[in-house]
Amino acid sequence: MVTHTVDLPFATEEAPAALQEAFGELARAVAPIAAEGDHLGLLSETYWAGLHGLVTLMRSGRLPEEAHERRLALLFAHFTAGTS
């Protein structure tokens, strides 16, 4: 996998306030699908990583464009399965 090195701290106390606030928003969105015993931070990171990976691959043209919406729908549907 190809990525750019970034020395911005993430998932630590040293992360900038704006980054912590943004991650907090993601965690609040993910919280309703957390099962008992799930670590909300890890679950949120996993969702973010899946979404980030898809978007990165889609924007770079590595995945066929005609299925972009279906891929996102699959991620959302499976990640929110069982929620109301």
PDB file of N, CA and C in Angstrom:
ATOM      1  N   MET A   1       0.838  -1.166   0.000  1.00  0.00           N
ATOM      2  CA  MET A   1       0.000   0.000   0.000  1.00  0.00           C
ATOM      3  C   MET A   1       0.891   1.240   0.000  1.00  0.00           C
ATOM      4  N   VAL A   2       0.443   2.239  -0.666  1.00  0.00           N
ATOM      5  CA  VAL A   2       1.198   3.476  -0.758  1.00  0.00           C
ATOM      6  C   VAL A   2       0.512   4.531   0.094  1.00  0.00           C
ATOM      7  N   THR A   3       1.293   5.241   0.871  1.00  0.00           N
ATOM      8  CA  THR A   3       0.748   6.305   1.706  1.00  0.00           C
ATOM      9  C   THR A   3       1.820   7.361   1.937  1.00  0.00           C
ATOM     10  N   HIS A   4       1.397   8.526   2.293  1.00  0.00           N
ATOM     11  CA  HIS A   4       2.324   9.594   2.633  1.00  0.00           C
ATOM     12  C   HIS A   4       2.546   9.582   4.133  1.00  0.00           C
ATOM     13  N   THR A   5       3.781   9.780   4.534  1.00  0.00           N
ATOM     14  CA  THR A   5       4.089   9.855   5.950  1.00  0.00           C
ATOM     15  C   THR A   5       3.582  11.181   6.508  1.00  0.00           C
ATOM     16  N   VAL A   6       2.873  11.085   7.623  1.00  0.00           N
ATOM     17  CA  VAL A   6       2.335  12.263   8.290  1.00  0.00           C
ATOM     18  C   VAL A   6       2.739  12.165   9.755  1.00  0.00           C
ATOM     19  N   ASP A   7       3.337  13.215  10.286  1.00  0.00           N
ATOM     20  CA  ASP A   7       3.729  13.160  11.687  1.00  0.00           C
ATOM     21  C   ASP A   7       2.709  13.824  12.606  1.00  0.00           C
ATOM     22  N   LEU A   8       1.465  13.854  12.172  1.00  0.00           N
ATOM     23  CA  LEU A   8       0.380  14.377  12.983  1.00  0.00           C
ATOM     24  C   LEU A   8      -0.049  13.274  13.948  1.00  0.00           C
ATOM     25  N   PRO A   9       0.017  13.521  15.259  1.00  0.00           N
ATOM     26  CA  PRO A   9      -0.373  12.463  16.196  1.00  0.00           C
ATOM     27  C   PRO A   9      -1.870  12.173  16.090  1.00  0.00           C
ATOM     28  N   PHE A  10      -2.194  10.902  16.132  1.00  0.00           N
ATOM     29  CA  PHE A  10      -3.587  10.481  16.035  1.00  0.00           C
ATOM     30  C   PHE A  10      -3.829   9.418  17.092  1.00  0.00           C
ATOM     31  N   ALA A  11      -5.011   9.416  17.644  1.00  0.00           N
ATOM     32  CA  ALA A  11      -5.410   8.426  18.651  1.00  0.00           C
ATOM     33  C   ALA A  11      -4.498   8.475  19.874  1.00  0.00           C
ATOM     34  N   THR A  12      -4.022   9.661  20.201  1.00  0.00           N
ATOM     35  CA  THR A  12      -3.226   9.862  21.410  1.00  0.00           C
ATOM     36  C   THR A  12      -3.679  11.153  22.072  1.00  0.00           C
ATOM     37  N   GLU A  13      -3.258  11.334  23.298  1.00  0.00           N
ATOM     38  CA  GLU A  13      -3.565  12.568  24.015  1.00  0.00           C
ATOM     39  C   GLU A  13      -2.912  13.783  23.354  1.00  0.00           C
ATOM     40  N   GLU A  14      -1.841  13.551  22.572  1.00  0.00           N
ATOM     41  CA  GLU A  14      -1.125  14.642  21.919  1.00  0.00           C
ATOM     42  C   GLU A  14      -1.794  15.117  20.628  1.00  0.00           C
ATOM     43  N   ALA A  15      -2.826  14.433  20.195  1.00  0.00           N
ATOM     44  CA  ALA A  15      -3.524  14.832  18.971  1.00  0.00           C
ATOM     45  C   ALA A  15      -4.121  16.227  19.161  1.00  0.00           C
ATOM     46  N   PRO A  16      -4.077  17.055  18.110  1.00  0.00           N
ATOM     47  CA  PRO A  16      -4.659  18.396  18.212  1.00  0.00           C
ATOM     48  C   PRO A  16      -6.148  18.328  18.576  1.00  0.00           C
ATOM     49  N   ALA A  17      -6.615  19.357  19.266  1.00  0.00           N
ATOM     50  CA  ALA A  17      -8.005  19.399  19.728  1.00  0.00           C
ATOM     51  C   ALA A  17      -8.993  19.222  18.579  1.00  0.00           C
ATOM     52  N   ALA A  18      -8.730  19.852  17.434  1.00  0.00           N
ATOM     53  CA  ALA A  18      -9.653  19.742  16.299  1.00  0.00           C
ATOM     54  C   ALA A  18      -9.745  18.300  15.811  1.00  0.00           C
ATOM     55  N   LEU A  19      -8.639  17.583  15.828  1.00  0.00           N
ATOM     56  CA  LEU A  19      -8.640  16.184  15.409  1.00  0.00           C
ATOM     57  C   LEU A  19      -9.400  15.331  16.421  1.00  0.00           C
ATOM     58  N   GLN A  20      -9.186  15.597  17.700  1.00  0.00           N
ATOM     59  CA  GLN A  20      -9.916  14.856  18.735  1.00  0.00           C
ATOM     60  C   GLN A  20     -11.419  15.128  18.636  1.00  0.00           C
ATOM     61  N   GLU A  21     -11.780  16.366  18.354  1.00  0.00           N
ATOM     62  CA  GLU A  21     -13.194  16.717  18.212  1.00  0.00           C
ATOM     63  C   GLU A  21     -13.817  16.008  17.009  1.00  0.00           C
ATOM     64  N   ALA A  22     -13.097  15.977  15.889  1.00  0.00           N
ATOM     65  CA  ALA A  22     -13.605  15.300  14.687  1.00  0.00           C
ATOM     66  C   ALA A  22     -13.774  13.809  14.951  1.00  0.00           C
ATOM     67  N   PHE A  23     -12.806  13.200  15.632  1.00  0.00           N
ATOM     68  CA  PHE A  23     -12.914  11.780  15.938  1.00  0.00           C
ATOM     69  C   PHE A  23     -14.068  11.534  16.909  1.00  0.00           C
ATOM     70  N   GLY A  24     -14.292  12.478  17.821  1.00  0.00           N
ATOM     71  CA  GLY A  24     -15.421  12.363  18.737  1.00  0.00           C
ATOM     72  C   GLY A  24     -16.749  12.330  17.998  1.00  0.00           C
ATOM     73  N   GLU A  25     -16.855  13.133  16.947  1.00  0.00           N
ATOM     74  CA  GLU A  25     -18.079  13.123  16.124  1.00  0.00           C
ATOM     75  C   GLU A  25     -18.268  11.758  15.472  1.00  0.00           C
ATOM     76  N   LEU A  26     -17.182  11.203  14.955  1.00  0.00           N
ATOM     77  CA  LEU A  26     -17.258   9.877  14.338  1.00  0.00           C
ATOM     78  C   LEU A  26     -17.656   8.839  15.384  1.00  0.00           C
ATOM     79  N   ALA A  27     -17.058   8.910  16.556  1.00  0.00           N
ATOM     80  CA  ALA A  27     -17.383   7.949  17.618  1.00  0.00           C
ATOM     81  C   ALA A  27     -18.849   8.061  18.020  1.00  0.00           C
ATOM     82  N   ARG A  28     -19.379   9.276  18.066  1.00  0.00           N
ATOM     83  CA  ARG A  28     -20.800   9.440  18.405  1.00  0.00           C
ATOM     84  C   ARG A  28     -21.695   8.826  17.319  1.00  0.00           C
ATOM     85  N   ALA A  29     -21.271   8.903  16.080  1.00  0.00           N
ATOM     86  CA  ALA A  29     -22.056   8.310  14.992  1.00  0.00           C
ATOM     87  C   ALA A  29     -21.983   6.787  15.028  1.00  0.00           C
ATOM     88  N   VAL A  30     -20.869   6.258  15.470  1.00  0.00           N
ATOM     89  CA  VAL A  30     -20.668   4.809  15.503  1.00  0.00           C
ATOM     90  C   VAL A  30     -21.254   4.186  16.777  1.00  0.00           C
ATOM     91  N   ALA A  31     -21.365   4.953  17.845  1.00  0.00           N
ATOM     92  CA  ALA A  31     -21.805   4.430  19.143  1.00  0.00           C
ATOM     93  C   ALA A  31     -23.083   3.586  19.092  1.00  0.00           C
ATOM     94  N   PRO A  32     -24.100   3.965  18.313  1.00  0.00           N
ATOM     95  CA  PRO A  32     -25.326   3.157  18.311  1.00  0.00           C
ATOM     96  C   PRO A  32     -25.146   1.730  17.784  1.00  0.00           C
ATOM     97  N   ILE A  33     -24.073   1.467  17.054  1.00  0.00           N
ATOM     98  CA  ILE A  33     -23.893   0.109  16.536  1.00  0.00           C
ATOM     99  C   ILE A  33     -22.921  -0.710  17.369  1.00  0.00           C
ATOM    100  N   ALA A  34     -22.370  -0.120  18.414  1.00  0.00           N
ATOM    101  CA  ALA A  34     -21.422  -0.840  19.268  1.00  0.00           C
ATOM    102  C   ALA A  34     -22.156  -1.925  20.051  1.00  0.00           C
ATOM    103  N   ALA A  35     -21.586  -3.101  20.044  1.00  0.00           N
ATOM    104  CA  ALA A  35     -22.130  -4.198  20.839  1.00  0.00           C
ATOM    105  C   ALA A  35     -21.570  -4.108  22.256  1.00  0.00           C
ATOM    106  N   GLU A  36     -22.247  -4.736  23.185  1.00  0.00           N
ATOM    107  CA  GLU A  36     -21.758  -4.740  24.557  1.00  0.00           C
ATOM    108  C   GLU A  36     -20.344  -5.314  24.582  1.00  0.00           C
ATOM    109  N   GLY A  37     -19.454  -4.614  25.226  1.00  0.00           N
ATOM    110  CA  GLY A  37     -18.069  -5.061  25.319  1.00  0.00           C
ATOM    111  C   GLY A  37     -17.164  -4.519  24.224  1.00  0.00           C
ATOM    112  N   ASP A  38     -17.740  -3.917  23.175  1.00  0.00           N
ATOM    113  CA  ASP A  38     -16.919  -3.317  22.122  1.00  0.00           C
ATOM    114  C   ASP A  38     -16.177  -2.104  22.683  1.00  0.00           C
ATOM    115  N   HIS A  39     -14.987  -1.893  22.227  1.00  0.00           N
ATOM    116  CA  HIS A  39     -14.234  -0.683  22.567  1.00  0.00           C
ATOM    117  C   HIS A  39     -14.609   0.367  21.526  1.00  0.00           C
ATOM    118  N   LEU A  40     -15.318   1.414  21.939  1.00  0.00           N
ATOM    119  CA  LEU A  40     -15.849   2.397  20.994  1.00  0.00           C
ATOM    120  C   LEU A  40     -14.746   3.043  20.164  1.00  0.00           C
ATOM    121  N   GLY A  41     -13.613   3.337  20.774  1.00  0.00           N
ATOM    122  CA  GLY A  41     -12.508   3.940  20.029  1.00  0.00           C
ATOM    123  C   GLY A  41     -12.002   3.030  18.926  1.00  0.00           C
ATOM    124  N   LEU A  42     -11.821   1.754  19.247  1.00  0.00           N
ATOM    125  CA  LEU A  42     -11.339   0.800  18.232  1.00  0.00           C
ATOM    126  C   LEU A  42     -12.381   0.584  17.144  1.00  0.00           C
ATOM    127  N   LEU A  43     -13.641   0.506  17.522  1.00  0.00           N
ATOM    128  CA  LEU A  43     -14.705   0.341  16.543  1.00  0.00           C
ATOM    129  C   LEU A  43     -14.754   1.548  15.605  1.00  0.00           C
ATOM    130  N   SER A  44     -14.628   2.740  16.162  1.00  0.00           N
ATOM    131  CA  SER A  44     -14.638   3.965  15.355  1.00  0.00           C
ATOM    132  C   SER A  44     -13.430   4.017  14.425  1.00  0.00           C
ATOM    133  N   GLU A  45     -12.257   3.626  14.935  1.00  0.00           N
ATOM    134  CA  GLU A  45     -11.063   3.580  14.090  1.00  0.00           C
ATOM    135  C   GLU A  45     -11.234   2.597  12.934  1.00  0.00           C
ATOM    136  N   THR A  46     -11.856   1.466  13.216  1.00  0.00           N
ATOM    137  CA  THR A  46     -12.068   0.451  12.183  1.00  0.00           C
ATOM    138  C   THR A  46     -12.999   0.971  11.094  1.00  0.00           C
ATOM    139  N   TYR A  47     -14.086   1.628  11.499  1.00  0.00           N
ATOM    140  CA  TYR A  47     -15.010   2.204  10.524  1.00  0.00           C
ATOM    141  C   TYR A  47     -14.314   3.282   9.707  1.00  0.00           C
ATOM    142  N   TRP A  48     -13.590   4.160  10.380  1.00  0.00           N
ATOM    143  CA  TRP A  48     -12.863   5.233   9.702  1.00  0.00           C
ATOM    144  C   TRP A  48     -11.857   4.647   8.713  1.00  0.00           C
ATOM    145  N   ALA A  49     -11.138   3.609   9.132  1.00  0.00           N
ATOM    146  CA  ALA A  49     -10.135   3.000   8.257  1.00  0.00           C
ATOM    147  C   ALA A  49     -10.781   2.395   7.011  1.00  0.00           C
ATOM    148  N   GLY A  50     -11.911   1.720   7.185  1.00  0.00           N
ATOM    149  CA  GLY A  50     -12.607   1.147   6.032  1.00  0.00           C
ATOM    150  C   GLY A  50     -13.092   2.221   5.076  1.00  0.00           C
ATOM    151  N   LEU A  51     -13.698   3.249   5.616  1.00  0.00           N
ATOM    152  CA  LEU A  51     -14.193   4.344   4.791  1.00  0.00           C
ATOM    153  C   LEU A  51     -13.036   5.090   4.129  1.00  0.00           C
ATOM    154  N   HIS A  52     -11.991   5.364   4.888  1.00  0.00           N
ATOM    155  CA  HIS A  52     -10.821   6.065   4.358  1.00  0.00           C
ATOM    156  C   HIS A  52     -10.170   5.254   3.239  1.00  0.00           C
ATOM    157  N   GLY A  53     -10.025   3.961   3.445  1.00  0.00           N
ATOM    158  CA  GLY A  53      -9.427   3.107   2.422  1.00  0.00           C
ATOM    159  C   GLY A  53     -10.242   3.101   1.142  1.00  0.00           C
ATOM    160  N   LEU A  54     -11.545   2.957   1.275  1.00  0.00           N
ATOM    161  CA  LEU A  54     -12.407   2.972   0.092  1.00  0.00           C
ATOM    162  C   LEU A  54     -12.302   4.291  -0.658  1.00  0.00           C
ATOM    163  N   VAL A  55     -12.404   5.385   0.073  1.00  0.00           N
ATOM    164  CA  VAL A  55     -12.358   6.695  -0.575  1.00  0.00           C
ATOM    165  C   VAL A  55     -11.003   6.934  -1.230  1.00  0.00           C
ATOM    166  N   THR A  56      -9.923   6.554  -0.555  1.00  0.00           N
ATOM    167  CA  THR A  56      -8.583   6.726  -1.120  1.00  0.00           C
ATOM    168  C   THR A  56      -8.439   5.931  -2.414  1.00  0.00           C
ATOM    169  N   LEU A  57      -8.872   4.696  -2.409  1.00  0.00           N
ATOM    170  CA  LEU A  57      -8.784   3.861  -3.612  1.00  0.00           C
ATOM    171  C   LEU A  57      -9.707   4.358  -4.720  1.00  0.00           C
ATOM    172  N   MET A  58     -10.885   4.843  -4.349  1.00  0.00           N
ATOM    173  CA  MET A  58     -11.815   5.356  -5.345  1.00  0.00           C
ATOM    174  C   MET A  58     -11.276   6.630  -5.988  1.00  0.00           C
ATOM    175  N   ARG A  59     -10.790   7.554  -5.162  1.00  0.00           N
ATOM    176  CA  ARG A  59     -10.300   8.841  -5.688  1.00  0.00           C
ATOM    177  C   ARG A  59      -9.064   8.665  -6.561  1.00  0.00           C
ATOM    178  N   SER A  60      -8.267   7.642  -6.282  1.00  0.00           N
ATOM    179  CA  SER A  60      -7.048   7.428  -7.062  1.00  0.00           C
ATOM    180  C   SER A  60      -7.316   6.646  -8.348  1.00  0.00           C
ATOM    181  N   GLY A  61      -8.569   6.221  -8.545  1.00  0.00           N
ATOM    182  CA  GLY A  61      -8.912   5.475  -9.755  1.00  0.00           C
ATOM    183  C   GLY A  61      -8.542   4.006  -9.687  1.00  0.00           C
ATOM    184  N   ARG A  62      -8.192   3.511  -8.508  1.00  0.00           N
ATOM    185  CA  ARG A  62      -7.786   2.112  -8.359  1.00  0.00           C
ATOM    186  C   ARG A  62      -8.976   1.152  -8.334  1.00  0.00           C
ATOM    187  N   LEU A  63     -10.177   1.685  -8.084  1.00  0.00           N
ATOM    188  CA  LEU A  63     -11.386   0.865  -8.097  1.00  0.00           C
ATOM    189  C   LEU A  63     -12.310   1.388  -9.189  1.00  0.00           C
ATOM    190  N   PRO A  64     -12.980   0.494  -9.912  1.00  0.00           N
ATOM    191  CA  PRO A  64     -13.869   0.921 -10.993  1.00  0.00           C
ATOM    192  C   PRO A  64     -14.956   1.880 -10.494  1.00  0.00           C
ATOM    193  N   GLU A  65     -15.067   3.005 -11.166  1.00  0.00           N
ATOM    194  CA  GLU A  65     -15.973   4.072 -10.752  1.00  0.00           C
ATOM    195  C   GLU A  65     -17.435   3.653 -10.730  1.00  0.00           C
ATOM    196  N   GLU A  66     -17.839   2.784 -11.637  1.00  0.00           N
ATOM    197  CA  GLU A  66     -19.262   2.448 -11.722  1.00  0.00           C
ATOM    198  C   GLU A  66     -19.790   1.751 -10.458  1.00  0.00           C
ATOM    199  N   ALA A  67     -18.920   1.267  -9.597  1.00  0.00           N
ATOM    200  CA  ALA A  67     -19.382   0.583  -8.386  1.00  0.00           C
ATOM    201  C   ALA A  67     -19.138   1.389  -7.110  1.00  0.00           C
ATOM    202  N   HIS A  68     -18.741   2.650  -7.216  1.00  0.00           N
ATOM    203  CA  HIS A  68     -18.444   3.462  -6.034  1.00  0.00           C
ATOM    204  C   HIS A  68     -19.628   3.504  -5.063  1.00  0.00           C
ATOM    205  N   GLU A  69     -20.788   3.848  -5.553  1.00  0.00           N
ATOM    206  CA  GLU A  69     -21.960   3.981  -4.679  1.00  0.00           C
ATOM    207  C   GLU A  69     -22.315   2.645  -4.035  1.00  0.00           C
ATOM    208  N   ARG A  70     -22.192   1.557  -4.788  1.00  0.00           N
ATOM    209  CA  ARG A  70     -22.515   0.234  -4.239  1.00  0.00           C
ATOM    210  C   ARG A  70     -21.532  -0.154  -3.134  1.00  0.00           C
ATOM    211  N   ARG A  71     -20.242   0.170  -3.327  1.00  0.00           N
ATOM    212  CA  ARG A  71     -19.244  -0.136  -2.297  1.00  0.00           C
ATOM    213  C   ARG A  71     -19.554   0.608  -0.998  1.00  0.00           C
ATOM    214  N   LEU A  72     -19.828   1.895  -1.125  1.00  0.00           N
ATOM    215  CA  LEU A  72     -20.151   2.680   0.069  1.00  0.00           C
ATOM    216  C   LEU A  72     -21.422   2.152   0.731  1.00  0.00           C
ATOM    217  N   ALA A  73     -22.418   1.814  -0.056  1.00  0.00           N
ATOM    218  CA  ALA A  73     -23.663   1.277   0.495  1.00  0.00           C
ATOM    219  C   ALA A  73     -23.407  -0.032   1.237  1.00  0.00           C
ATOM    220  N   LEU A  74     -22.537  -0.884   0.706  1.00  0.00           N
ATOM    221  CA  LEU A  74     -22.201  -2.139   1.379  1.00  0.00           C
ATOM    222  C   LEU A  74     -21.531  -1.876   2.724  1.00  0.00           C
ATOM    223  N   LEU A  75     -20.569  -0.961   2.734  1.00  0.00           N
ATOM    224  CA  LEU A  75     -19.889  -0.645   3.991  1.00  0.00           C
ATOM    225  C   LEU A  75     -20.890  -0.129   5.013  1.00  0.00           C
ATOM    226  N   PHE A  76     -21.710   0.840   4.613  1.00  0.00           N
ATOM    227  CA  PHE A  76     -22.683   1.421   5.539  1.00  0.00           C
ATOM    228  C   PHE A  76     -23.682   0.368   6.023  1.00  0.00           C
ATOM    229  N   ALA A  77     -24.203  -0.431   5.106  1.00  0.00           N
ATOM    230  CA  ALA A  77     -25.218  -1.420   5.470  1.00  0.00           C
ATOM    231  C   ALA A  77     -24.670  -2.476   6.430  1.00  0.00           C
ATOM    232  N   HIS A  78     -23.481  -2.957   6.155  1.00  0.00           N
ATOM    233  CA  HIS A  78     -22.919  -4.000   7.016  1.00  0.00           C
ATOM    234  C   HIS A  78     -22.405  -3.439   8.329  1.00  0.00           C
ATOM    235  N   PHE A  79     -21.972  -2.206   8.311  1.00  0.00           N
ATOM    236  CA  PHE A  79     -21.463  -1.626   9.535  1.00  0.00           C
ATOM    237  C   PHE A  79     -22.590  -1.176  10.440  1.00  0.00           C
ATOM    238  N   THR A  80     -23.758  -0.956   9.898  1.00  0.00           N
ATOM    239  CA  THR A  80     -24.889  -0.518  10.718  1.00  0.00           C
ATOM    240  C   THR A  80     -25.963  -1.601  10.832  1.00  0.00           C
ATOM    241  N   ALA A  81     -25.663  -2.812  10.409  1.00  0.00           N
ATOM    242  CA  ALA A  81     -26.642  -3.912  10.481  1.00  0.00           C
ATOM    243  C   ALA A  81     -27.136  -4.084  11.908  1.00  0.00           C
ATOM    244  N   GLY A  82     -28.425  -4.213  12.045  1.00  0.00           N
ATOM    245  CA  GLY A  82     -29.013  -4.444  13.343  1.00  0.00           C
ATOM    246  C   GLY A  82     -29.326  -3.189  14.142  1.00  0.00           C
ATOM    247  N   THR A  83     -29.061  -2.014  13.562  1.00  0.00           N
ATOM    248  CA  THR A  83     -29.397  -0.780  14.276  1.00  0.00           C
ATOM    249  C   THR A  83     -30.752  -0.282  13.786  1.00  0.00           C
ATOM    250  N   SER A  84     -31.361   0.549  14.577  1.00  0.00           N
ATOM    251  CA  SER A  84     -32.645   1.102  14.149  1.00  0.00           C
ATOM    252  C   SER A  84     -32.530   2.568  13.899  1.00  0.00           C
TER     253      SER A  84
END
